């Protein structure tokens, strides 16, 4: 059931996310996120499950890696790494369809999967901003 467009949607979402991180690097919230992630997650790999309606029924899989302030696509397919991010196709489509909305307001991006791995201070700042 893997959709041929899902790769482009996922890659597009990562591109928008990375642009939002870069353009908002000097903001208190995003700057804190990047700083905390650089210290605790650099090189960390995470499994991603893409679903249509039900998060318990994924239809495609990726692995991402956080490296030097960016989230990069590491591999496609079921990951040997723990699934940390379950994301809907609708969310991916929304980010790709309206990139500026997410670049201008990066707290609208889904960072829940990343937040759980950050120190409490960075996590609480992101929670307040969301």
Protein backbone atom coordinates (compact mmCIF):
# COMPACT_ATOMS: atom_id res chain seq x y z
CA UNK A 1 0.00 0.00 0.00
CA UNK A 2 3.03 2.29 -0.04
CA UNK A 3 2.19 5.40 -2.03
CA UNK A 4 4.81 6.46 -4.55
CA UNK A 5 4.34 10.07 -3.46
CA UNK A 6 4.96 9.41 0.21
CA UNK A 7 8.74 9.62 -0.23
CA UNK A 8 8.39 13.10 -1.74
CA UNK A 9 5.97 14.17 1.00
CA UNK A 10 8.26 12.92 3.74
CA UNK A 11 11.39 14.43 2.19
CA UNK A 12 9.51 17.71 1.62
CA UNK A 13 8.44 17.76 5.27
CA UNK A 14 12.03 17.24 6.39
CA UNK A 15 13.15 20.07 4.09
CA UNK A 16 10.54 22.45 5.55
CA UNK A 17 11.42 21.36 9.09
CA UNK A 18 15.11 21.98 8.51
CA UNK A 19 14.44 25.36 6.92
CA UNK A 20 12.26 26.31 9.90
CA UNK A 21 15.01 25.24 12.30
CA UNK A 22 17.64 27.20 10.38
CA UNK A 23 15.60 30.39 9.96
CA UNK A 24 14.52 30.40 13.60
CA UNK A 25 17.85 29.33 15.08
CA UNK A 26 18.17 32.63 16.97
CA UNK A 27 14.73 32.46 18.57
CA UNK A 28 14.55 31.44 22.21
CA UNK A 29 12.40 28.35 21.63
CA UNK A 30 14.02 26.95 18.49
CA UNK A 31 17.50 27.99 19.58
CA UNK A 32 16.99 26.09 22.83
CA UNK A 33 15.69 23.05 20.92
CA UNK A 34 18.69 23.02 18.58
CA UNK A 35 21.19 23.58 21.38
CA UNK A 36 19.69 20.79 23.51
CA UNK A 37 19.41 18.43 20.54
CA UNK A 38 22.99 19.13 19.47
CA UNK A 39 24.20 18.18 22.95
CA UNK A 40 22.05 15.11 23.49
CA UNK A 41 20.95 13.78 20.10
CA UNK A 42 23.70 14.43 17.58
CA UNK A 43 23.93 11.28 15.45
CA UNK A 44 20.75 9.80 16.96
CA UNK A 45 18.68 7.66 14.58
CA UNK A 46 14.94 7.17 14.95
CA UNK A 47 12.37 5.01 13.20
CA UNK A 48 9.38 6.73 11.58
CA UNK A 49 6.03 5.17 10.74
CA UNK A 50 3.72 6.81 8.21
CA UNK A 51 0.00 6.10 8.50
CA UNK A 52 -3.18 7.11 6.71
CA UNK A 53 -5.93 6.97 9.36
CA UNK A 54 -4.81 4.71 12.19
CA UNK A 55 -1.42 5.22 13.88
CA UNK A 56 -1.39 1.49 14.66
CA UNK A 57 -1.54 0.64 10.94
CA UNK A 58 1.48 2.24 9.26
CA UNK A 59 1.96 1.75 5.53
CA UNK A 60 5.48 3.09 5.08
CA UNK A 61 8.64 3.45 7.15
CA UNK A 62 11.73 5.65 7.27
CA UNK A 63 14.73 6.21 9.48
CA UNK A 64 15.86 9.74 10.25
CA UNK A 65 19.02 10.98 11.88
CA UNK A 66 19.55 14.19 13.82
CA UNK A 67 22.93 15.57 12.84
CA UNK A 68 24.42 19.03 13.30
CA UNK A 69 21.14 20.86 13.76
CA UNK A 70 19.25 19.08 10.98
CA UNK A 71 16.97 16.11 10.65
CA UNK A 72 18.04 14.06 7.67
CA UNK A 73 16.55 11.11 5.87
CA UNK A 74 18.77 8.16 6.68
CA UNK A 75 16.92 5.24 5.06
CA UNK A 76 13.58 4.08 3.74
CA UNK A 77 12.02 0.89 5.03
CA UNK A 78 11.32 -0.63 8.41
CA UNK A 79 14.00 0.49 10.83
CA UNK A 80 16.08 -1.49 13.27
CA UNK A 81 15.81 1.61 15.46
CA UNK A 82 12.88 2.18 17.78
CA UNK A 83 9.88 3.92 16.26
CA UNK A 84 9.86 7.35 17.81
CA UNK A 85 7.76 9.28 15.34
CA UNK A 86 4.35 8.21 14.07
CA UNK A 87 3.15 10.71 11.51
CA UNK A 88 0.07 10.90 9.33
CA UNK A 89 0.10 11.36 5.60
CA UNK A 90 -2.29 14.31 6.13
CA UNK A 91 0.29 16.06 8.33
CA UNK A 92 3.01 15.55 5.71
CA UNK A 93 0.69 16.90 3.02
CA UNK A 94 -0.16 19.95 5.15
CA UNK A 95 3.50 20.82 5.72
CA UNK A 96 4.35 20.43 2.03
CA UNK A 97 1.25 22.38 0.91
CA UNK A 98 1.83 25.30 3.31
CA UNK A 99 5.57 25.41 4.03
CA UNK A 100 5.68 29.10 4.94
CA UNK A 101 3.11 28.58 7.70
CA UNK A 102 5.47 26.11 9.37
CA UNK A 103 8.66 28.04 8.64
CA UNK A 104 7.18 31.20 10.17
CA UNK A 105 5.70 29.27 13.13
CA UNK A 106 7.99 26.30 13.77
CA UNK A 107 6.14 25.34 16.95
CA UNK A 108 3.36 24.11 14.63
CA UNK A 109 5.75 21.38 13.48
CA UNK A 110 5.46 17.99 15.12
CA UNK A 111 8.43 17.85 17.48
CA UNK A 112 6.75 15.58 20.05
CA UNK A 113 8.95 12.65 19.03
CA UNK A 114 12.06 14.77 19.49
CA UNK A 115 10.96 16.46 22.72
CA UNK A 116 10.84 13.24 24.70
CA UNK A 117 14.58 12.80 24.24
CA UNK A 118 15.50 16.33 25.32
CA UNK A 119 16.37 17.58 28.80
CA UNK A 120 13.41 18.75 30.88
CA UNK A 121 14.31 22.43 30.53
CA UNK A 122 14.18 22.34 26.73
CA UNK A 123 11.05 20.19 26.72
CA UNK A 124 9.12 22.53 29.03
CA UNK A 125 10.06 25.56 26.92
CA UNK A 126 8.74 23.83 23.80
CA UNK A 127 5.56 22.79 25.60
CA UNK A 128 4.88 26.40 26.62
CA UNK A 129 5.45 27.64 23.07
CA UNK A 130 3.17 25.04 21.44
